[in-house]
Amino acid sequence: MTVARHYIMTAKQGGSAQLETALSNLADAVRKVPGSEGVELLRDAGDEHRFVFIEKWESIAAHKGAGDHLAKEALAPLRDAIDGPPEGCYLDYLKTV
């Protein structure tokens, strides 16, 4: 069953465009990883510095194994643009309509 890995991130001051680009590029890379079922990238309508990144995976194990398939450089631009560690959790889909 599909699970979601949900992250909330805030850009460093003046770095919203940089974080958006980094997340967009990361989404493209994650989508190619075995077990990935898609990625959603959203920006908070009330706070242009706050982003939500939702990865969809066939299982938690698939997500945990993704690091073996992602180039280490894929995360470097993200670390440079984010203001502190992201908030994250796994979510189970209960219903999609």
PDB file of N, CA and C in Angstrom:
ATOM      1  N   MET A   1       0.837  -1.189   0.000  1.00  0.00           N
ATOM      2  CA  MET A   1       0.000   0.000   0.000  1.00  0.00           C
ATOM      3  C   MET A   1       0.877   1.244   0.000  1.00  0.00           C
ATOM      4  N   THR A   2       0.484   2.229  -0.750  1.00  0.00           N
ATOM      5  CA  THR A   2       1.238   3.476  -0.859  1.00  0.00           C
ATOM      6  C   THR A   2       1.301   4.196   0.487  1.00  0.00           C
ATOM      7  N   VAL A   3       2.501   4.704   0.799  1.00  0.00           N
ATOM      8  CA  VAL A   3       2.689   5.564   1.965  1.00  0.00           C
ATOM      9  C   VAL A   3       3.252   6.891   1.474  1.00  0.00           C
ATOM     10  N   ALA A   4       3.048   7.919   2.258  1.00  0.00           N
ATOM     11  CA  ALA A   4       3.585   9.240   1.934  1.00  0.00           C
ATOM     12  C   ALA A   4       4.655   9.604   2.946  1.00  0.00           C
ATOM     13  N   ARG A   5       5.677  10.251   2.465  1.00  0.00           N
ATOM     14  CA  ARG A   5       6.680  10.862   3.343  1.00  0.00           C
ATOM     15  C   ARG A   5       6.499  12.362   3.163  1.00  0.00           C
ATOM     16  N   HIS A   6       6.142  13.017   4.240  1.00  0.00           N
ATOM     17  CA  HIS A   6       5.729  14.414   4.231  1.00  0.00           C
ATOM     18  C   HIS A   6       6.802  15.255   4.921  1.00  0.00           C
ATOM     19  N   TYR A   7       7.223  16.322   4.272  1.00  0.00           N
ATOM     20  CA  TYR A   7       8.215  17.236   4.846  1.00  0.00           C
ATOM     21  C   TYR A   7       7.676  18.658   4.797  1.00  0.00           C
ATOM     22  N   ILE A   8       7.953  19.425   5.829  1.00  0.00           N
ATOM     23  CA  ILE A   8       7.683  20.861   5.835  1.00  0.00           C
ATOM     24  C   ILE A   8       9.025  21.555   6.032  1.00  0.00           C
ATOM     25  N   MET A   9       9.329  22.501   5.119  1.00  0.00           N
ATOM     26  CA  MET A   9      10.622  23.191   5.153  1.00  0.00           C
ATOM     27  C   MET A   9      10.423  24.691   5.001  1.00  0.00           C
ATOM     28  N   THR A  10      11.293  25.434   5.625  1.00  0.00           N
ATOM     29  CA  THR A  10      11.289  26.883   5.507  1.00  0.00           C
ATOM     30  C   THR A  10      12.613  27.317   4.896  1.00  0.00           C
ATOM     31  N   ALA A  11      12.523  28.239   3.944  1.00  0.00           N
ATOM     32  CA  ALA A  11      13.719  28.758   3.274  1.00  0.00           C
ATOM     33  C   ALA A  11      14.453  29.734   4.179  1.00  0.00           C
ATOM     34  N   LYS A  12      15.765  29.777   3.982  1.00  0.00           N
ATOM     35  CA  LYS A  12      16.549  30.822   4.641  1.00  0.00           C
ATOM     36  C   LYS A  12      16.055  32.178   4.147  1.00  0.00           C
ATOM     37  N   GLN A  13      16.284  33.214   4.926  1.00  0.00           N
ATOM     38  CA  GLN A  13      15.886  34.569   4.535  1.00  0.00           C
ATOM     39  C   GLN A  13      16.425  34.891   3.147  1.00  0.00           C
ATOM     40  N   GLY A  14      15.545  35.301   2.245  1.00  0.00           N
ATOM     41  CA  GLY A  14      15.933  35.642   0.882  1.00  0.00           C
ATOM     42  C   GLY A  14      16.207  34.444  -0.010  1.00  0.00           C
ATOM     43  N   GLY A  15      15.936  33.233   0.473  1.00  0.00           N
ATOM     44  CA  GLY A  15      16.282  32.034  -0.279  1.00  0.00           C
ATOM     45  C   GLY A  15      15.111  31.224  -0.791  1.00  0.00           C
ATOM     46  N   SER A  16      13.931  31.828  -0.861  1.00  0.00           N
ATOM     47  CA  SER A  16      12.751  31.075  -1.300  1.00  0.00           C
ATOM     48  C   SER A  16      12.897  30.526  -2.712  1.00  0.00           C
ATOM     49  N   ALA A  17      13.396  31.334  -3.630  1.00  0.00           N
ATOM     50  CA  ALA A  17      13.561  30.879  -5.013  1.00  0.00           C
ATOM     51  C   ALA A  17      14.589  29.753  -5.074  1.00  0.00           C
ATOM     52  N   GLN A  18      15.653  29.875  -4.293  1.00  0.00           N
ATOM     53  CA  GLN A  18      16.687  28.841  -4.261  1.00  0.00           C
ATOM     54  C   GLN A  18      16.120  27.529  -3.727  1.00  0.00           C
ATOM     55  N   LEU A  19      15.317  27.595  -2.662  1.00  0.00           N
ATOM     56  CA  LEU A  19      14.727  26.379  -2.100  1.00  0.00           C
ATOM     57  C   LEU A  19      13.721  25.777  -3.068  1.00  0.00           C
ATOM     58  N   GLU A  20      12.925  26.607  -3.701  1.00  0.00           N
ATOM     59  CA  GLU A  20      11.960  26.095  -4.678  1.00  0.00           C
ATOM     60  C   GLU A  20      12.674  25.340  -5.801  1.00  0.00           C
ATOM     61  N   THR A  21      13.743  25.906  -6.315  1.00  0.00           N
ATOM     62  CA  THR A  21      14.500  25.246  -7.382  1.00  0.00           C
ATOM     63  C   THR A  21      15.113  23.940  -6.887  1.00  0.00           C
ATOM     64  N   ALA A  22      15.694  23.963  -5.694  1.00  0.00           N
ATOM     65  CA  ALA A  22      16.310  22.761  -5.128  1.00  0.00           C
ATOM     66  C   ALA A  22      15.277  21.654  -4.940  1.00  0.00           C
ATOM     67  N   LEU A  23      14.094  22.006  -4.442  1.00  0.00           N
ATOM     68  CA  LEU A  23      13.045  21.020  -4.232  1.00  0.00           C
ATOM     69  C   LEU A  23      12.489  20.493  -5.558  1.00  0.00           C
ATOM     70  N   SER A  24      12.355  21.366  -6.537  1.00  0.00           N
ATOM     71  CA  SER A  24      11.888  20.940  -7.849  1.00  0.00           C
ATOM     72  C   SER A  24      12.859  19.943  -8.472  1.00  0.00           C
ATOM     73  N   ASN A  25      14.143  20.227  -8.384  1.00  0.00           N
ATOM     74  CA  ASN A  25      15.153  19.314  -8.918  1.00  0.00           C
ATOM     75  C   ASN A  25      15.180  18.002  -8.142  1.00  0.00           C
ATOM     76  N   LEU A  26      15.023  18.088  -6.818  1.00  0.00           N
ATOM     77  CA  LEU A  26      14.985  16.884  -5.999  1.00  0.00           C
ATOM     78  C   LEU A  26      13.767  16.032  -6.353  1.00  0.00           C
ATOM     79  N   ALA A  27      12.624  16.667  -6.579  1.00  0.00           N
ATOM     80  CA  ALA A  27      11.415  15.932  -6.968  1.00  0.00           C
ATOM     81  C   ALA A  27      11.654  15.133  -8.248  1.00  0.00           C
ATOM     82  N   ASP A  28      12.315  15.748  -9.225  1.00  0.00           N
ATOM     83  CA  ASP A  28      12.615  15.048 -10.471  1.00  0.00           C
ATOM     84  C   ASP A  28      13.518  13.850 -10.228  1.00  0.00           C
ATOM     85  N   ALA A  29      14.500  13.999  -9.337  1.00  0.00           N
ATOM     86  CA  ALA A  29      15.421  12.900  -9.030  1.00  0.00           C
ATOM     87  C   ALA A  29      14.721  11.790  -8.262  1.00  0.00           C
ATOM     88  N   VAL A  30      13.896  12.143  -7.280  1.00  0.00           N
ATOM     89  CA  VAL A  30      13.196  11.149  -6.462  1.00  0.00           C
ATOM     90  C   VAL A  30      12.234  10.337  -7.323  1.00  0.00           C
ATOM     91  N   ARG A  31      11.598  10.982  -8.268  1.00  0.00           N
ATOM     92  CA  ARG A  31      10.608  10.293  -9.108  1.00  0.00           C
ATOM     93  C   ARG A  31      11.213   9.123  -9.861  1.00  0.00           C
ATOM     94  N   LYS A  32      12.506   9.171 -10.139  1.00  0.00           N
ATOM     95  CA  LYS A  32      13.184   8.122 -10.901  1.00  0.00           C
ATOM     96  C   LYS A  32      13.651   6.950 -10.034  1.00  0.00           C
ATOM     97  N   VAL A  33      13.534   7.067  -8.720  1.00  0.00           N
ATOM     98  CA  VAL A  33      14.016   6.038  -7.799  1.00  0.00           C
ATOM     99  C   VAL A  33      13.029   4.868  -7.773  1.00  0.00           C
ATOM    100  N   PRO A  34      13.536   3.643  -7.804  1.00  0.00           N
ATOM    101  CA  PRO A  34      12.635   2.489  -7.708  1.00  0.00           C
ATOM    102  C   PRO A  34      11.771   2.567  -6.450  1.00  0.00           C
ATOM    103  N   GLY A  35      10.506   2.321  -6.603  1.00  0.00           N
ATOM    104  CA  GLY A  35       9.565   2.372  -5.484  1.00  0.00           C
ATOM    105  C   GLY A  35       8.860   3.700  -5.333  1.00  0.00           C
ATOM    106  N   SER A  36       9.353   4.737  -6.019  1.00  0.00           N
ATOM    107  CA  SER A  36       8.702   6.047  -5.961  1.00  0.00           C
ATOM    108  C   SER A  36       7.427   6.024  -6.798  1.00  0.00           C
ATOM    109  N   GLU A  37       6.376   6.589  -6.243  1.00  0.00           N
ATOM    110  CA  GLU A  37       5.094   6.670  -6.953  1.00  0.00           C
ATOM    111  C   GLU A  37       4.692   8.116  -7.224  1.00  0.00           C
ATOM    112  N   GLY A  38       5.631   9.038  -7.021  1.00  0.00           N
ATOM    113  CA  GLY A  38       5.344  10.432  -7.323  1.00  0.00           C
ATOM    114  C   GLY A  38       5.761  11.363  -6.206  1.00  0.00           C
ATOM    115  N   VAL A  39       5.784  12.636  -6.538  1.00  0.00           N
ATOM    116  CA  VAL A  39       6.178  13.681  -5.601  1.00  0.00           C
ATOM    117  C   VAL A  39       5.265  14.882  -5.815  1.00  0.00           C
ATOM    118  N   GLU A  40       4.894  15.534  -4.731  1.00  0.00           N
ATOM    119  CA  GLU A  40       4.135  16.782  -4.803  1.00  0.00           C
ATOM    120  C   GLU A  40       4.952  17.864  -4.109  1.00  0.00           C
ATOM    121  N   LEU A  41       5.039  19.022  -4.737  1.00  0.00           N
ATOM    122  CA  LEU A  41       5.732  20.174  -4.166  1.00  0.00           C
ATOM    123  C   LEU A  41       4.725  21.306  -4.065  1.00  0.00           C
ATOM    124  N   LEU A  42       4.557  21.820  -2.847  1.00  0.00           N
ATOM    125  CA  LEU A  42       3.599  22.900  -2.608  1.00  0.00           C
ATOM    126  C   LEU A  42       4.263  24.022  -1.831  1.00  0.00           C
ATOM    127  N   ARG A  43       3.749  25.238  -2.023  1.00  0.00           N
ATOM    128  CA  ARG A  43       4.199  26.397  -1.246  1.00  0.00           C
ATOM    129  C   ARG A  43       3.010  26.884  -0.429  1.00  0.00           C
ATOM    130  N   ASP A  44       3.267  27.271   0.788  1.00  0.00           N
ATOM    131  CA  ASP A  44       2.245  27.812   1.679  1.00  0.00           C
ATOM    132  C   ASP A  44       1.698  29.100   1.071  1.00  0.00           C
ATOM    133  N   ALA A  45       0.392  29.172   0.865  1.00  0.00           N
ATOM    134  CA  ALA A  45      -0.233  30.352   0.259  1.00  0.00           C
ATOM    135  C   ALA A  45      -0.100  31.585   1.153  1.00  0.00           C
ATOM    136  N   GLY A  46       0.105  31.385   2.443  1.00  0.00           N
ATOM    137  CA  GLY A  46       0.220  32.507   3.361  1.00  0.00           C
ATOM    138  C   GLY A  46       1.641  32.824   3.778  1.00  0.00           C
ATOM    139  N   ASP A  47       2.608  32.004   3.326  1.00  0.00           N
ATOM    140  CA  ASP A  47       4.013  32.213   3.709  1.00  0.00           C
ATOM    141  C   ASP A  47       4.894  31.680   2.584  1.00  0.00           C
ATOM    142  N   GLU A  48       5.364  32.571   1.732  1.00  0.00           N
ATOM    143  CA  GLU A  48       6.120  32.168   0.546  1.00  0.00           C
ATOM    144  C   GLU A  48       7.450  31.495   0.858  1.00  0.00           C
ATOM    145  N   HIS A  49       7.868  31.490   2.125  1.00  0.00           N
ATOM    146  CA  HIS A  49       9.128  30.868   2.523  1.00  0.00           C
ATOM    147  C   HIS A  49       8.931  29.422   2.994  1.00  0.00           C
ATOM    148  N   ARG A  50       7.680  28.986   3.100  1.00  0.00           N
ATOM    149  CA  ARG A  50       7.361  27.669   3.663  1.00  0.00           C
ATOM    150  C   ARG A  50       6.889  26.737   2.547  1.00  0.00           C
ATOM    151  N   PHE A  51       7.514  25.546   2.476  1.00  0.00           N
ATOM    152  CA  PHE A  51       7.219  24.575   1.427  1.00  0.00           C
ATOM    153  C   PHE A  51       6.831  23.233   2.038  1.00  0.00           C
ATOM    154  N   VAL A  52       5.982  22.523   1.323  1.00  0.00           N
ATOM    155  CA  VAL A  52       5.600  21.169   1.693  1.00  0.00           C
ATOM    156  C   VAL A  52       6.034  20.255   0.543  1.00  0.00           C
ATOM    157  N   PHE A  53       6.715  19.177   0.881  1.00  0.00           N
ATOM    158  CA  PHE A  53       7.245  18.226  -0.084  1.00  0.00           C
ATOM    159  C   PHE A  53       6.698  16.863   0.302  1.00  0.00           C
ATOM    160  N   ILE A  54       5.912  16.280  -0.566  1.00  0.00           N
ATOM    161  CA  ILE A  54       5.275  14.995  -0.263  1.00  0.00           C
ATOM    162  C   ILE A  54       5.746  13.959  -1.282  1.00  0.00           C
ATOM    163  N   GLU A  55       6.432  12.947  -0.783  1.00  0.00           N
ATOM    164  CA  GLU A  55       6.869  11.837  -1.615  1.00  0.00           C
ATOM    165  C   GLU A  55       5.901  10.679  -1.417  1.00  0.00           C
ATOM    166  N   LYS A  56       5.540  10.000  -2.499  1.00  0.00           N
ATOM    167  CA  LYS A  56       4.684   8.823  -2.424  1.00  0.00           C
ATOM    168  C   LYS A  56       5.539   7.595  -2.736  1.00  0.00           C
ATOM    169  N   TRP A  57       5.459   6.596  -1.870  1.00  0.00           N
ATOM    170  CA  TRP A  57       6.294   5.394  -1.992  1.00  0.00           C
ATOM    171  C   TRP A  57       5.450   4.137  -1.895  1.00  0.00           C
ATOM    172  N   GLU A  58       5.924   3.085  -2.520  1.00  0.00           N
ATOM    173  CA  GLU A  58       5.207   1.812  -2.440  1.00  0.00           C
ATOM    174  C   GLU A  58       5.282   1.224  -1.031  1.00  0.00           C
ATOM    175  N   SER A  59       6.296   1.646  -0.250  1.00  0.00           N
ATOM    176  CA  SER A  59       6.427   1.183   1.141  1.00  0.00           C
ATOM    177  C   SER A  59       7.434   2.077   1.874  1.00  0.00           C
ATOM    178  N   ILE A  60       7.434   1.981   3.189  1.00  0.00           N
ATOM    179  CA  ILE A  60       8.424   2.710   3.982  1.00  0.00           C
ATOM    180  C   ILE A  60       9.819   2.191   3.653  1.00  0.00           C
ATOM    181  N   ALA A  61       9.934   0.872   3.453  1.00  0.00           N
ATOM    182  CA  ALA A  61      11.233   0.286   3.104  1.00  0.00           C
ATOM    183  C   ALA A  61      11.759   0.861   1.787  1.00  0.00           C
ATOM    184  N   ALA A  62      10.877   1.077   0.820  1.00  0.00           N
ATOM    185  CA  ALA A  62      11.306   1.667  -0.454  1.00  0.00           C
ATOM    186  C   ALA A  62      11.865   3.065  -0.224  1.00  0.00           C
ATOM    187  N   HIS A  63      11.207   3.846   0.633  1.00  0.00           N
ATOM    188  CA  HIS A  63      11.712   5.190   0.943  1.00  0.00           C
ATOM    189  C   HIS A  63      13.067   5.114   1.629  1.00  0.00           C
ATOM    190  N   LYS A  64      13.177   4.237   2.594  1.00  0.00           N
ATOM    191  CA  LYS A  64      14.438   4.134   3.335  1.00  0.00           C
ATOM    192  C   LYS A  64      15.581   3.670   2.443  1.00  0.00           C
ATOM    193  N   GLY A  65      15.285   2.936   1.382  1.00  0.00           N
ATOM    194  CA  GLY A  65      16.313   2.491   0.453  1.00  0.00           C
ATOM    195  C   GLY A  65      16.630   3.494  -0.639  1.00  0.00           C
ATOM    196  N   ALA A  66      15.889   4.592  -0.685  1.00  0.00           N
ATOM    197  CA  ALA A  66      16.059   5.567  -1.764  1.00  0.00           C
ATOM    198  C   ALA A  66      17.441   6.207  -1.762  1.00  0.00           C
ATOM    199  N   GLY A  67      18.036   6.351  -0.606  1.00  0.00           N
ATOM    200  CA  GLY A  67      19.356   6.973  -0.521  1.00  0.00           C
ATOM    201  C   GLY A  67      20.412   6.244  -1.331  1.00  0.00           C
ATOM    202  N   ASP A  68      20.216   4.939  -1.512  1.00  0.00           N
ATOM    203  CA  ASP A  68      21.161   4.159  -2.315  1.00  0.00           C
ATOM    204  C   ASP A  68      21.070   4.507  -3.793  1.00  0.00           C
ATOM    205  N   HIS A  69      19.969   5.150  -4.200  1.00  0.00           N
ATOM    206  CA  HIS A  69      19.730   5.452  -5.612  1.00  0.00           C
ATOM    207  C   HIS A  69      19.841   6.938  -5.942  1.00  0.00           C
ATOM    208  N   LEU A  70      19.951   7.773  -4.928  1.00  0.00           N
ATOM    209  CA  LEU A  70      20.065   9.218  -5.152  1.00  0.00           C
ATOM    210  C   LEU A  70      21.517   9.652  -5.031  1.00  0.00           C
ATOM    211  N   ALA A  71      21.964  10.431  -5.974  1.00  0.00           N
ATOM    212  CA  ALA A  71      23.312  10.987  -5.893  1.00  0.00           C
ATOM    213  C   ALA A  71      23.386  11.923  -4.683  1.00  0.00           C
ATOM    214  N   LYS A  72      24.479  11.869  -3.968  1.00  0.00           N
ATOM    215  CA  LYS A  72      24.652  12.724  -2.784  1.00  0.00           C
ATOM    216  C   LYS A  72      24.521  14.204  -3.144  1.00  0.00           C
ATOM    217  N   GLU A  73      24.912  14.560  -4.373  1.00  0.00           N
ATOM    218  CA  GLU A  73      24.827  15.949  -4.815  1.00  0.00           C
ATOM    219  C   GLU A  73      23.379  16.425  -4.929  1.00  0.00           C
ATOM    220  N   ALA A  74      22.431  15.505  -5.010  1.00  0.00           N
ATOM    221  CA  ALA A  74      21.021  15.892  -5.161  1.00  0.00           C
ATOM    222  C   ALA A  74      20.517  16.658  -3.941  1.00  0.00           C
ATOM    223  N   LEU A  75      21.099  16.391  -2.785  1.00  0.00           N
ATOM    224  CA  LEU A  75      20.642  17.037  -1.550  1.00  0.00           C
ATOM    225  C   LEU A  75      21.434  18.291  -1.182  1.00  0.00           C
ATOM    226  N   ALA A  76      22.596  18.483  -1.767  1.00  0.00           N
ATOM    227  CA  ALA A  76      23.446  19.624  -1.407  1.00  0.00           C
ATOM    228  C   ALA A  76      22.749  20.974  -1.588  1.00  0.00           C
ATOM    229  N   PRO A  77      22.096  21.243  -2.732  1.00  0.00           N
ATOM    230  CA  PRO A  77      21.427  22.545  -2.883  1.00  0.00           C
ATOM    231  C   PRO A  77      20.312  22.762  -1.845  1.00  0.00           C
ATOM    232  N   LEU A  78      19.695  21.678  -1.426  1.00  0.00           N
ATOM    233  CA  LEU A  78      18.642  21.762  -0.415  1.00  0.00           C
ATOM    234  C   LEU A  78      19.229  22.200   0.927  1.00  0.00           C
ATOM    235  N   ARG A  79      20.325  21.595   1.310  1.00  0.00           N
ATOM    236  CA  ARG A  79      20.963  21.959   2.585  1.00  0.00           C
ATOM    237  C   ARG A  79      21.395  23.417   2.603  1.00  0.00           C
ATOM    238  N   ASP A  80      21.778  23.946   1.449  1.00  0.00           N
ATOM    239  CA  ASP A  80      22.212  25.340   1.376  1.00  0.00           C
ATOM    240  C   ASP A  80      21.046  26.332   1.459  1.00  0.00           C
ATOM    241  N   ALA A  81      19.831  25.882   1.140  1.00  0.00           N
ATOM    242  CA  ALA A  81      18.688  26.792   1.034  1.00  0.00           C
ATOM    243  C   ALA A  81      17.718  26.721   2.213  1.00  0.00           C
ATOM    244  N   ILE A  82      17.785  25.657   2.985  1.00  0.00           N
ATOM    245  CA  ILE A  82      16.786  25.433   4.043  1.00  0.00           C
ATOM    246  C   ILE A  82      17.240  26.063   5.367  1.00  0.00           C
ATOM    247  N   ASP A  83      16.274  26.577   6.105  1.00  0.00           N
ATOM    248  CA  ASP A  83      16.542  27.206   7.396  1.00  0.00           C
ATOM    249  C   ASP A  83      16.237  26.201   8.507  1.00  0.00           C
ATOM    250  N   GLY A  84      17.172  25.323   8.780  1.00  0.00           N
ATOM    251  CA  GLY A  84      16.997  24.316   9.818  1.00  0.00           C
ATOM    252  C   GLY A  84      16.472  23.013   9.254  1.00  0.00           C
ATOM    253  N   PRO A  85      16.455  21.981  10.086  1.00  0.00           N
ATOM    254  CA  PRO A  85      16.013  20.669   9.616  1.00  0.00           C
ATOM    255  C   PRO A  85      14.518  20.664   9.288  1.00  0.00           C
ATOM    256  N   PRO A  86      14.136  19.873   8.291  1.00  0.00           N
ATOM    257  CA  PRO A  86      12.709  19.798   7.949  1.00  0.00           C
ATOM    258  C   PRO A  86      11.931  19.020   8.997  1.00  0.00           C
ATOM    259  N   GLU A  87      10.662  19.339   9.088  1.00  0.00           N
ATOM    260  CA  GLU A  87       9.741  18.533   9.890  1.00  0.00           C
ATOM    261  C   GLU A  87       9.235  17.442   8.959  1.00  0.00           C
ATOM    262  N   GLY A  88       9.232  16.192   9.386  1.00  0.00           N
ATOM    263  CA  GLY A  88       8.799  15.126   8.495  1.00  0.00           C
ATOM    264  C   GLY A  88       8.121  13.989   9.225  1.00  0.00           C
ATOM    265  N   CYS A  89       7.314  13.236   8.483  1.00  0.00           N
ATOM    266  CA  CYS A  89       6.666  12.056   9.037  1.00  0.00           C
ATOM    267  C   CYS A  89       6.167  11.171   7.894  1.00  0.00           C
ATOM    268  N   TYR A  90       5.914   9.914   8.231  1.00  0.00           N
ATOM    269  CA  TYR A  90       5.269   9.003   7.297  1.00  0.00           C
ATOM    270  C   TYR A  90       3.760   9.080   7.515  1.00  0.00           C
ATOM    271  N   LEU A  91       3.022   9.001   6.420  1.00  0.00           N
ATOM    272  CA  LEU A  91       1.562   9.038   6.479  1.00  0.00           C
ATOM    273  C   LEU A  91       0.981   7.873   5.694  1.00  0.00           C
ATOM    274  N   ASP A  92      -0.052   7.252   6.237  1.00  0.00           N
ATOM    275  CA  ASP A  92      -0.792   6.215   5.538  1.00  0.00           C
ATOM    276  C   ASP A  92      -1.985   6.862   4.840  1.00  0.00           C
ATOM    277  N   TYR A  93      -2.217   6.475   3.602  1.00  0.00           N
ATOM    278  CA  TYR A  93      -3.395   6.950   2.895  1.00  0.00           C
ATOM    279  C   TYR A  93      -4.616   6.185   3.410  1.00  0.00           C
ATOM    280  N   LEU A  94      -5.607   6.912   3.857  1.00  0.00           N
ATOM    281  CA  LEU A  94      -6.847   6.303   4.307  1.00  0.00           C
ATOM    282  C   LEU A  94      -7.929   6.352   3.219  1.00  0.00           C
ATOM    283  N   LYS A  95      -7.934   7.462   2.472  1.00  0.00           N
ATOM    284  CA  LYS A  95      -8.915   7.609   1.418  1.00  0.00           C
ATOM    285  C   LYS A  95      -8.474   8.699   0.449  1.00  0.00           C
ATOM    286  N   THR A  96      -8.591   8.422  -0.822  1.00  0.00           N
ATOM    287  CA  THR A  96      -8.314   9.412  -1.853  1.00  0.00           C
ATOM    288  C   THR A  96      -9.524   9.446  -2.774  1.00  0.00           C
ATOM    289  N   VAL A  97     -10.088  10.620  -3.001  1.00  0.00           N
ATOM    290  CA  VAL A  97     -11.266  10.748  -3.874  1.00  0.00           C
ATOM    291  C   VAL A  97     -10.984  11.737  -4.969  1.00  0.00           C
TER     292      VAL A  97
END
